[in-house]
Amino acid sequence: MSVTANEFQFMTECITAELIERLVVREKYSLKQAIDTVYGSDTFSALGRPDTGLYFQSTGLVTQYLMREIKTGKME
């Protein structure tokens, strides 16, 4: 499925906001800590690349990737 640049940006921004919220609410990160963690992650880098298709996955799945990366230092 093909999306426009605006749709891609919207989808990635929505997932990013939800990732930050989940870290704050569920993992008790401070807002700054959550923002720094998400934006500094390989998961976020992959989310920003259309070729990965990650932007089209559920937030739950992307959260799993992020949590695995936080725990192991690797996204995969």
C-alpha atoms as a PDB file:
ATOM      1  CA  MET A   1       0.000   0.000   0.000  1.00  0.00           C
ATOM      2  CA  SER A   2       1.294   3.419  -0.927  1.00  0.00           C
ATOM      3  CA  VAL A   3       0.833   6.518   1.202  1.00  0.00           C
ATOM      4  CA  THR A   4       1.562  10.158   0.541  1.00  0.00           C
ATOM      5  CA  ALA A   5       4.379  11.981   2.299  1.00  0.00           C
ATOM      6  CA  ASN A   6       1.842  13.774   4.495  1.00  0.00           C
ATOM      7  CA  GLU A   7       0.146  10.502   5.445  1.00  0.00           C
ATOM      8  CA  PHE A   8       3.518   8.942   6.261  1.00  0.00           C
ATOM      9  CA  GLN A   9       4.456  11.891   8.443  1.00  0.00           C
ATOM     10  CA  PHE A  10       1.095  11.792  10.229  1.00  0.00           C
ATOM     11  CA  MET A  11       1.339   8.050  10.878  1.00  0.00           C
ATOM     12  CA  THR A  12       4.885   8.246  12.222  1.00  0.00           C
ATOM     13  CA  GLU A  13       4.054  11.243  14.429  1.00  0.00           C
ATOM     14  CA  CYS A  14       1.043   9.424  15.901  1.00  0.00           C
ATOM     15  CA  ILE A  15       3.080   6.314  16.705  1.00  0.00           C
ATOM     16  CA  THR A  16       5.904   8.409  18.153  1.00  0.00           C
ATOM     17  CA  ALA A  17       3.513  10.278  20.452  1.00  0.00           C
ATOM     18  CA  GLU A  18       1.988   6.997  21.606  1.00  0.00           C
ATOM     19  CA  LEU A  19       5.425   5.493  22.286  1.00  0.00           C
ATOM     20  CA  ILE A  20       6.342   8.468  24.448  1.00  0.00           C
ATOM     21  CA  GLU A  21       3.018   8.287  26.283  1.00  0.00           C
ATOM     22  CA  ARG A  22       3.457   4.557  26.955  1.00  0.00           C
ATOM     23  CA  LEU A  23       6.921   5.101  28.413  1.00  0.00           C
ATOM     24  CA  VAL A  24       5.598   7.833  30.693  1.00  0.00           C
ATOM     25  CA  VAL A  25       2.434   6.040  31.810  1.00  0.00           C
ATOM     26  CA  ARG A  26       3.477   2.397  31.883  1.00  0.00           C
ATOM     27  CA  GLU A  27       7.200   2.593  32.548  1.00  0.00           C
ATOM     28  CA  LYS A  28       7.123   5.723  34.744  1.00  0.00           C
ATOM     29  CA  TYR A  29       9.679   7.626  32.655  1.00  0.00           C
ATOM     30  CA  SER A  30       9.776  11.389  32.988  1.00  0.00           C
ATOM     31  CA  LEU A  31       8.565  13.159  29.862  1.00  0.00           C
ATOM     32  CA  LYS A  32      12.109  14.280  28.996  1.00  0.00           C
ATOM     33  CA  GLN A  33      13.473  10.792  29.557  1.00  0.00           C
ATOM     34  CA  ALA A  34      10.748   9.265  27.363  1.00  0.00           C
ATOM     35  CA  ILE A  35      11.307  11.778  24.565  1.00  0.00           C
ATOM     36  CA  ASP A  36      15.077  11.268  24.671  1.00  0.00           C
ATOM     37  CA  THR A  37      14.663   7.483  24.697  1.00  0.00           C
ATOM     38  CA  VAL A  38      12.263   7.360  21.766  1.00  0.00           C
ATOM     39  CA  TYR A  39      14.028   9.893  19.552  1.00  0.00           C
ATOM     40  CA  GLY A  40      17.430   8.364  20.283  1.00  0.00           C
ATOM     41  CA  SER A  41      16.367   4.812  19.484  1.00  0.00           C
ATOM     42  CA  ASP A  42      17.009   2.613  16.478  1.00  0.00           C
ATOM     43  CA  THR A  43      13.284   1.869  16.578  1.00  0.00           C
ATOM     44  CA  PHE A  44      12.523   5.526  15.895  1.00  0.00           C
ATOM     45  CA  SER A  45      15.081   5.574  13.084  1.00  0.00           C
ATOM     46  CA  ALA A  46      13.418   2.537  11.496  1.00  0.00           C
ATOM     47  CA  LEU A  47       9.984   4.094  11.963  1.00  0.00           C
ATOM     48  CA  GLY A  48      11.140   7.120   9.971  1.00  0.00           C
ATOM     49  CA  ARG A  49      12.198   5.030   6.977  1.00  0.00           C
ATOM     50  CA  PRO A  50       9.257   4.163   4.712  1.00  0.00           C
ATOM     51  CA  ASP A  51      11.064   1.094   3.327  1.00  0.00           C
ATOM     52  CA  THR A  52      10.806  -0.682   6.716  1.00  0.00           C
ATOM     53  CA  GLY A  53       7.004  -0.565   6.705  1.00  0.00           C
ATOM     54  CA  LEU A  54       7.136  -0.073  10.470  1.00  0.00           C
ATOM     55  CA  TYR A  55       4.935   3.027  10.228  1.00  0.00           C
ATOM     56  CA  PHE A  56       2.115   0.764   9.040  1.00  0.00           C
ATOM     57  CA  GLN A  57       2.295  -1.583  12.052  1.00  0.00           C
ATOM     58  CA  SER A  58       0.354  -1.341  15.295  1.00  0.00           C
ATOM     59  CA  THR A  59       1.670   0.810  18.088  1.00  0.00           C
ATOM     60  CA  GLY A  60       1.749  -2.323  20.231  1.00  0.00           C
ATOM     61  CA  LEU A  61       4.210  -4.008  17.889  1.00  0.00           C
ATOM     62  CA  VAL A  62       6.393  -0.919  17.627  1.00  0.00           C
ATOM     63  CA  THR A  63       6.321  -0.678  21.432  1.00  0.00           C
ATOM     64  CA  GLN A  64       7.573  -4.267  21.642  1.00  0.00           C
ATOM     65  CA  TYR A  65      10.493  -3.381  19.385  1.00  0.00           C
ATOM     66  CA  LEU A  66      11.285  -0.323  21.498  1.00  0.00           C
ATOM     67  CA  MET A  67      11.072  -2.212  24.796  1.00  0.00           C
ATOM     68  CA  ARG A  68      13.301  -4.976  23.435  1.00  0.00           C
ATOM     69  CA  GLU A  69      15.783  -2.334  22.311  1.00  0.00           C
ATOM     70  CA  ILE A  70      15.714  -0.665  25.733  1.00  0.00           C
ATOM     71  CA  LYS A  71      16.333  -3.993  27.483  1.00  0.00           C
ATOM     72  CA  THR A  72      18.885  -5.506  25.117  1.00  0.00           C
ATOM     73  CA  GLY A  73      20.330  -2.556  23.251  1.00  0.00           C
ATOM     74  CA  LYS A  74      19.062  -4.041  19.968  1.00  0.00           C
ATOM     75  CA  MET A  75      15.808  -3.513  18.147  1.00  0.00           C
ATOM     76  CA  GLU A  76      15.668  -7.050  16.792  1.00  0.00           C
END
